Amino acid sequence: MPQKLRILLVEDEDHLLDAIKLNLELEGYK
């Protein structure tokens, strides 16, 4: 996972779960 994306996930706690779900979808784990 790109470092910038990790930083955004940490800073944007309100959308943390949504971001994780999006990351999983991008990785192909639906």
Foldseek 3Di string as FASTA:
>chain_A
DDPVLVVVLVVCVVCNVVSVVVVCVVVPND
